[in-house]
Amino acid sequence: MKIIHSIFTFAIGGAETMLADIINQQCKSASVNFIIVNDKINPDLLQAIDQRVNVFLLNRKESHKFQLLSAYLK
């Protein structure tokens, strides 16, 4: 089975810590890919991800959602 997880930021927080735990369990029996969109990343939490997980860092600068919406509507 192939699994893809995607998150905008990977800083310290409840959702991020839970996702790291889930990913580390899933990689024991599946091919796991993890995409982090923005450049806000906690290096300690990222290092806690199992090495069997394919991690993709897009390093996009954080932006306000309304800016994205206004750019889309133009």
N, C-alpha and C. Protein backbone atom coordinates (compact mmCIF):
# COMPACT_ATOMS: atom_id res chain seq x y z
N MET A 1 0.84 -1.17 0.00
CA MET A 1 0.00 0.00 0.00
C MET A 1 0.90 1.25 0.00
N LYS A 2 0.44 2.29 -0.70
CA LYS A 2 1.15 3.56 -0.74
C LYS A 2 0.30 4.62 -0.03
N ILE A 3 0.95 5.41 0.82
CA ILE A 3 0.26 6.42 1.60
C ILE A 3 0.98 7.75 1.41
N ILE A 4 0.20 8.82 1.26
CA ILE A 4 0.76 10.17 1.16
C ILE A 4 0.10 11.04 2.23
N HIS A 5 0.93 11.72 3.00
CA HIS A 5 0.46 12.71 3.96
C HIS A 5 0.99 14.07 3.52
N SER A 6 0.19 15.10 3.70
CA SER A 6 0.60 16.46 3.35
C SER A 6 0.16 17.40 4.46
N ILE A 7 1.05 18.33 4.81
CA ILE A 7 0.74 19.31 5.85
C ILE A 7 1.42 20.62 5.46
N PHE A 8 0.80 21.74 5.82
CA PHE A 8 1.39 23.03 5.45
C PHE A 8 2.61 23.35 6.29
N THR A 9 2.51 23.27 7.62
CA THR A 9 3.66 23.53 8.48
C THR A 9 3.88 22.31 9.36
N PHE A 10 5.11 22.15 9.80
CA PHE A 10 5.46 21.01 10.65
C PHE A 10 6.22 21.52 11.86
N ALA A 11 5.56 22.41 12.60
CA ALA A 11 6.12 22.94 13.84
C ALA A 11 5.59 22.09 15.00
N ILE A 12 6.05 22.37 16.20
CA ILE A 12 5.61 21.61 17.36
C ILE A 12 4.14 21.93 17.65
N GLY A 13 3.36 20.90 17.72
CA GLY A 13 1.94 21.03 18.03
C GLY A 13 1.32 19.66 18.14
N GLY A 14 0.10 19.61 18.61
CA GLY A 14 -0.57 18.33 18.81
C GLY A 14 -0.80 17.56 17.53
N ALA A 15 -1.29 18.26 16.50
CA ALA A 15 -1.56 17.58 15.22
C ALA A 15 -0.27 17.08 14.57
N GLU A 16 0.76 17.89 14.65
CA GLU A 16 2.04 17.52 14.04
C GLU A 16 2.68 16.32 14.74
N THR A 17 2.62 16.33 16.08
CA THR A 17 3.18 15.22 16.85
C THR A 17 2.40 13.93 16.58
N MET A 18 1.07 14.03 16.53
CA MET A 18 0.25 12.87 16.23
C MET A 18 0.54 12.35 14.82
N LEU A 19 0.70 13.26 13.86
CA LEU A 19 1.00 12.84 12.49
C LEU A 19 2.35 12.11 12.43
N ALA A 20 3.34 12.61 13.14
CA ALA A 20 4.64 11.93 13.18
C ALA A 20 4.50 10.52 13.73
N ASP A 21 3.72 10.35 14.79
CA ASP A 21 3.50 9.02 15.36
C ASP A 21 2.79 8.10 14.37
N ILE A 22 1.77 8.63 13.69
CA ILE A 22 1.03 7.83 12.71
C ILE A 22 1.93 7.41 11.55
N ILE A 23 2.69 8.36 11.03
CA ILE A 23 3.60 8.07 9.91
C ILE A 23 4.61 7.01 10.30
N ASN A 24 5.17 7.13 11.50
CA ASN A 24 6.18 6.16 11.95
C ASN A 24 5.59 4.76 12.10
N GLN A 25 4.33 4.65 12.45
CA GLN A 25 3.69 3.34 12.52
C GLN A 25 3.37 2.80 11.13
N GLN A 26 2.87 3.68 10.26
CA GLN A 26 2.47 3.23 8.92
C GLN A 26 3.65 2.75 8.09
N CYS A 27 4.82 3.35 8.27
CA CYS A 27 5.97 2.98 7.43
C CYS A 27 6.47 1.57 7.72
N LYS A 28 5.99 0.97 8.78
CA LYS A 28 6.37 -0.41 9.10
C LYS A 28 5.73 -1.41 8.14
N SER A 29 4.58 -1.00 7.54
CA SER A 29 3.88 -1.95 6.68
C SER A 29 3.45 -1.35 5.34
N ALA A 30 3.84 -0.10 5.06
CA ALA A 30 3.43 0.54 3.81
C ALA A 30 4.52 1.50 3.35
N SER A 31 4.42 1.90 2.10
CA SER A 31 5.30 2.92 1.54
C SER A 31 4.68 4.28 1.85
N VAL A 32 5.38 5.10 2.64
CA VAL A 32 4.81 6.36 3.10
C VAL A 32 5.60 7.54 2.54
N ASN A 33 4.86 8.50 1.97
CA ASN A 33 5.42 9.75 1.48
C ASN A 33 4.83 10.88 2.31
N PHE A 34 5.67 11.84 2.67
CA PHE A 34 5.25 12.94 3.53
C PHE A 34 5.67 14.26 2.88
N ILE A 35 4.70 15.11 2.59
CA ILE A 35 4.96 16.39 1.94
C ILE A 35 4.71 17.52 2.93
N ILE A 36 5.72 18.39 3.12
CA ILE A 36 5.58 19.57 3.96
C ILE A 36 5.63 20.77 3.03
N VAL A 37 4.55 21.54 2.96
CA VAL A 37 4.42 22.61 1.97
C VAL A 37 5.23 23.85 2.34
N ASN A 38 5.02 24.39 3.53
CA ASN A 38 5.68 25.64 3.91
C ASN A 38 7.05 25.40 4.52
N ASP A 39 7.79 26.49 4.71
CA ASP A 39 9.15 26.39 5.24
C ASP A 39 9.20 26.44 6.77
N LYS A 40 8.07 26.42 7.44
CA LYS A 40 8.03 26.43 8.90
C LYS A 40 8.09 24.99 9.40
N ILE A 41 9.31 24.56 9.76
CA ILE A 41 9.56 23.16 10.11
C ILE A 41 10.39 23.10 11.38
N ASN A 42 9.97 22.26 12.31
CA ASN A 42 10.75 22.05 13.52
C ASN A 42 11.74 20.92 13.23
N PRO A 43 13.04 21.21 13.26
CA PRO A 43 14.03 20.19 12.89
C PRO A 43 14.03 18.96 13.80
N ASP A 44 13.73 19.15 15.09
CA ASP A 44 13.70 18.00 15.99
C ASP A 44 12.53 17.07 15.66
N LEU A 45 11.40 17.65 15.36
CA LEU A 45 10.23 16.84 14.99
C LEU A 45 10.45 16.15 13.65
N LEU A 46 11.08 16.85 12.72
CA LEU A 46 11.37 16.25 11.42
C LEU A 46 12.35 15.09 11.57
N GLN A 47 13.31 15.24 12.46
CA GLN A 47 14.29 14.17 12.68
C GLN A 47 13.65 12.95 13.34
N ALA A 48 12.52 13.14 14.00
CA ALA A 48 11.81 12.02 14.64
C ALA A 48 11.09 11.13 13.63
N ILE A 49 10.97 11.60 12.38
CA ILE A 49 10.33 10.79 11.33
C ILE A 49 11.27 9.66 10.92
N ASP A 50 10.74 8.47 10.85
CA ASP A 50 11.52 7.29 10.47
C ASP A 50 12.19 7.49 9.11
N GLN A 51 13.39 6.98 8.96
CA GLN A 51 14.15 7.15 7.72
C GLN A 51 13.54 6.41 6.54
N ARG A 52 12.64 5.48 6.79
CA ARG A 52 11.97 4.77 5.70
C ARG A 52 10.92 5.63 5.00
N VAL A 53 10.57 6.75 5.60
CA VAL A 53 9.55 7.65 5.04
C VAL A 53 10.22 8.59 4.03
N ASN A 54 9.61 8.73 2.86
CA ASN A 54 10.08 9.68 1.86
C ASN A 54 9.52 11.06 2.20
N VAL A 55 10.40 11.99 2.57
CA VAL A 55 9.98 13.33 2.98
C VAL A 55 10.31 14.31 1.86
N PHE A 56 9.31 15.11 1.49
CA PHE A 56 9.47 16.13 0.45
C PHE A 56 9.22 17.49 1.07
N LEU A 57 10.22 18.36 1.03
CA LEU A 57 10.11 19.71 1.57
C LEU A 57 9.95 20.69 0.42
N LEU A 58 8.78 21.32 0.32
CA LEU A 58 8.53 22.28 -0.76
C LEU A 58 9.05 23.68 -0.43
N ASN A 59 9.25 23.96 0.86
CA ASN A 59 9.85 25.22 1.34
C ASN A 59 9.17 26.49 0.82
N ARG A 60 7.87 26.45 0.69
CA ARG A 60 7.13 27.64 0.30
C ARG A 60 7.07 28.60 1.48
N LYS A 61 7.23 29.88 1.23
CA LYS A 61 7.08 30.89 2.28
C LYS A 61 5.63 30.92 2.72
N GLU A 62 5.42 31.06 4.02
CA GLU A 62 4.05 31.16 4.53
C GLU A 62 3.41 32.44 4.01
N SER A 63 2.14 32.36 3.69
CA SER A 63 1.42 33.55 3.24
C SER A 63 0.04 33.53 3.86
N HIS A 64 -0.56 34.67 3.86
CA HIS A 64 -1.90 34.80 4.41
C HIS A 64 -2.89 34.21 3.41
N LYS A 65 -3.88 33.48 3.90
CA LYS A 65 -4.83 32.82 3.01
C LYS A 65 -5.61 33.81 2.16
N PHE A 66 -5.88 34.99 2.71
CA PHE A 66 -6.62 35.99 1.93
C PHE A 66 -5.78 36.49 0.76
N GLN A 67 -4.46 36.54 0.93
CA GLN A 67 -3.59 36.93 -0.18
C GLN A 67 -3.67 35.89 -1.29
N LEU A 68 -3.69 34.64 -0.90
CA LEU A 68 -3.81 33.57 -1.91
C LEU A 68 -5.15 33.65 -2.62
N LEU A 69 -6.21 33.91 -1.87
CA LEU A 69 -7.54 34.00 -2.45
C LEU A 69 -7.63 35.18 -3.40
N SER A 70 -7.09 36.34 -3.00
CA SER A 70 -7.17 37.51 -3.86
C SER A 70 -6.34 37.31 -5.14
N ALA A 71 -5.21 36.63 -5.03
CA ALA A 71 -4.42 36.35 -6.22
C ALA A 71 -5.17 35.41 -7.16
N TYR A 72 -5.90 34.48 -6.59
CA TYR A 72 -6.67 33.53 -7.39
C TYR A 72 -7.82 34.23 -8.11
N LEU A 73 -8.45 35.21 -7.46
CA LEU A 73 -9.60 35.86 -8.02
C LEU A 73 -9.26 36.91 -9.08
N LYS A 74 -8.00 37.29 -9.17
CA LYS A 74 -7.61 38.31 -10.17
C LYS A 74 -7.62 37.74 -11.55
